[in-house]
C-alpha atoms as a PDB file:
ATOM      1  CA  MET A   1       7.759 -16.463  72.652  1.00  0.00           C
ATOM      2  CA  GLY A   2       6.705 -16.679  69.099  1.00  0.00           C
ATOM      3  CA  HIS A   3       9.690 -14.051  67.911  1.00  0.00           C
ATOM      4  CA  ALA A   4      12.178 -16.819  67.189  1.00  0.00           C
ATOM      5  CA  CYS A   5      12.030 -16.584  63.247  1.00  0.00           C
ATOM      6  CA  THR A   6      11.455 -12.716  63.012  1.00  0.00           C
ATOM      7  CA  HIS A   7      13.699  -9.794  63.070  1.00  0.00           C
ATOM      8  CA  HIS A   8      12.871  -5.821  63.109  1.00  0.00           C
ATOM      9  CA  ASP A   9      15.974  -4.947  60.905  1.00  0.00           C
ATOM     10  CA  GLY A  10      15.375  -3.435  57.570  1.00  0.00           C
ATOM     11  CA  PRO A  11      17.473  -3.544  54.528  1.00  0.00           C
ATOM     12  CA  ASP A  12      20.960  -2.263  54.865  1.00  0.00           C
ATOM     13  CA  PRO A  13      21.469   1.226  54.664  1.00  0.00           C
ATOM     14  CA  HIS A  14      24.773   1.041  53.199  1.00  0.00           C
ATOM     15  CA  GLU A  15      23.768  -0.842  50.459  1.00  0.00           C
ATOM     16  CA  HIS A  16      23.216   0.770  47.397  1.00  0.00           C
ATOM     17  CA  PRO A  17      20.295  -0.027  45.295  1.00  0.00           C
ATOM     18  CA  VAL A  18      22.456  -0.670  42.092  1.00  0.00           C
ATOM     19  CA  VAL A  19      24.107  -3.402  44.116  1.00  0.00           C
ATOM     20  CA  ALA A  20      20.438  -5.250  44.283  1.00  0.00           C
ATOM     21  CA  VAL A  21      20.104  -4.691  40.346  1.00  0.00           C
ATOM     22  CA  ILE A  22      23.392  -5.972  39.440  1.00  0.00           C
ATOM     23  CA  ALA A  23      22.998  -8.937  41.958  1.00  0.00           C
ATOM     24  CA  ILE A  24      19.493  -9.936  40.077  1.00  0.00           C
ATOM     25  CA  ILE A  25      21.145  -9.367  36.255  1.00  0.00           C
ATOM     26  CA  ALA A  26      24.142 -11.727  37.687  1.00  0.00           C
ATOM     27  CA  ILE A  27      21.324 -14.476  38.887  1.00  0.00           C
ATOM     28  CA  ILE A  28      19.599 -13.897  35.441  1.00  0.00           C
ATOM     29  CA  ALA A  29      22.947 -14.009  33.538  1.00  0.00           C
ATOM     30  CA  ALA A  30      23.794 -17.260  35.282  1.00  0.00           C
ATOM     31  CA  ILE A  31      20.562 -19.142  34.310  1.00  0.00           C
ATOM     32  CA  LEU A  32      20.829 -18.531  30.963  1.00  0.00           C
ATOM     33  CA  LEU A  33      24.355 -19.651  31.016  1.00  0.00           C
ATOM     34  CA  ILE A  34      23.641 -22.630  32.325  1.00  0.00           C
ATOM     35  CA  ALA A  35      20.475 -23.134  29.901  1.00  0.00           C
ATOM     36  CA  TRP A  36      22.938 -22.212  27.297  1.00  0.00           C
ATOM     37  CA  ALA A  37      25.717 -24.496  28.084  1.00  0.00           C
ATOM     38  CA  ARG A  38      23.199 -27.681  28.665  1.00  0.00           C
ATOM     39  CA  VAL A  39      22.068 -27.052  24.997  1.00  0.00           C
ATOM     40  CA  HIS A  40      25.500 -26.865  23.693  1.00  0.00           C
ATOM     41  CA  VAL A  41      26.369 -29.893  25.257  1.00  0.00           C
ATOM     42  CA  HIS A  42      23.512 -32.169  25.182  1.00  0.00           C
ATOM     43  CA  GLY A  43      21.714 -30.661  22.022  1.00  0.00           C
ATOM     44  CA  THR A  44      17.921 -30.184  21.738  1.00  0.00           C
ATOM     45  CA  ASP A  45      16.924 -33.678  20.280  1.00  0.00           C
ATOM     46  CA  ASP A  46      15.330 -34.637  23.606  1.00  0.00           C
ATOM     47  CA  ILE A  47      13.435 -31.676  24.158  1.00  0.00           C
ATOM     48  CA  GLU A  48      12.022 -31.512  20.808  1.00  0.00           C
ATOM     49  CA  ALA A  49      11.345 -35.243  20.924  1.00  0.00           C
ATOM     50  CA  ALA A  50       9.380 -34.794  24.134  1.00  0.00           C
ATOM     51  CA  LEU A  51       7.610 -31.452  22.627  1.00  0.00           C
ATOM     52  CA  SER A  52       6.618 -33.314  19.520  1.00  0.00           C
ATOM     53  CA  GLU A  53       5.220 -36.689  21.021  1.00  0.00           C
ATOM     54  CA  PRO A  54       1.447 -36.756  20.884  1.00  0.00           C
ATOM     55  CA  PRO A  55      -0.221 -36.228  23.991  1.00  0.00           C
ATOM     56  CA  ALA A  56      -1.837 -39.494  25.610  1.00  0.00           C
ATOM     57  CA  GLN A  57      -5.221 -39.757  25.156  1.00  0.00           C
ATOM     58  CA  GLY A  58      -7.487 -40.472  28.014  1.00  0.00           C
ATOM     59  CA  ASP A  59      -8.127 -44.049  28.321  1.00  0.00           C
ATOM     60  CA  LEU A  60      -5.178 -45.153  25.736  1.00  0.00           C
ATOM     61  CA  PRO A  61      -2.733 -47.283  27.391  1.00  0.00           C
ATOM     62  CA  VAL A  62       0.802 -45.559  26.334  1.00  0.00           C
ATOM     63  CA  ALA A  63       3.592 -47.983  24.946  1.00  0.00           C
ATOM     64  CA  PRO A  64       6.524 -48.234  26.960  1.00  0.00           C
ATOM     65  CA  LYS A  65       9.729 -47.208  25.290  1.00  0.00           C
ATOM     66  CA  PRO A  66      11.799 -49.702  23.788  1.00  0.00           C
ATOM     67  CA  ASP A  67      14.869 -51.331  25.896  1.00  0.00           C
ATOM     68  CA  LEU A  68      17.853 -50.094  24.167  1.00  0.00           C
ATOM     69  CA  LYS A  69      20.057 -51.644  26.818  1.00  0.00           C
ATOM     70  CA  THR A  70      22.642 -54.731  26.021  1.00  0.00           C
ATOM     71  CA  ASP A  71      22.733 -57.680  27.742  1.00  0.00           C
ATOM     72  CA  ASP A  72      26.026 -56.511  29.574  1.00  0.00           C
ATOM     73  CA  GLU A  73      24.587 -53.444  30.523  1.00  0.00           C
ATOM     74  CA  ARG A  74      21.968 -55.289  32.018  1.00  0.00           C
ATOM     75  CA  GLU A  75      24.282 -57.530  33.952  1.00  0.00           C
ATOM     76  CA  VAL A  76      26.203 -54.496  35.333  1.00  0.00           C
ATOM     77  CA  GLU A  77      23.029 -52.989  36.413  1.00  0.00           C
ATOM     78  CA  ALA A  78      21.886 -55.895  37.936  1.00  0.00           C
ATOM     79  CA  ALA A  79      24.905 -56.615  40.135  1.00  0.00           C
ATOM     80  CA  ALA A  80      25.138 -52.854  41.128  1.00  0.00           C
ATOM     81  CA  THR A  81      21.825 -53.050  42.408  1.00  0.00           C
ATOM     82  CA  SER A  82      22.257 -56.535  44.166  1.00  0.00           C
ATOM     83  CA  SER A  83      25.534 -55.318  45.698  1.00  0.00           C
ATOM     84  CA  ARG A  84      23.988 -52.015  46.764  1.00  0.00           C
ATOM     85  CA  PHE A  85      21.032 -54.089  48.496  1.00  0.00           C
ATOM     86  CA  ALA A  86      23.221 -56.543  50.139  1.00  0.00           C
ATOM     87  CA  THR A  87      25.067 -54.029  51.759  1.00  0.00           C
ATOM     88  CA  GLY A  88      22.302 -51.815  53.121  1.00  0.00           C
ATOM     89  CA  PHE A  89      22.380 -48.888  50.866  1.00  0.00           C
ATOM     90  CA  SER A  90      19.056 -48.870  49.224  1.00  0.00           C
ATOM     91  CA  HIS A  91      18.603 -45.233  48.486  1.00  0.00           C
END
């Protein structure tokens, strides 16, 4: 008992250390590629806006952001929400 999730095998003796290093480099390259694609597609305006906002003070209320949706967008969202709850898909 108590050995269900343990193993006594070490690393694969046939795996060369260079393979592990290449795997780590590939992971880092993938992370950088995803970050570059995000900046290329969406830009950095939202990141700059979030970083340039002044920090909230302790007891001062934060003003809500203005609602930029049109009446049609609000109607569509309300209809989608009500149909989702009517069919039982609340998540």
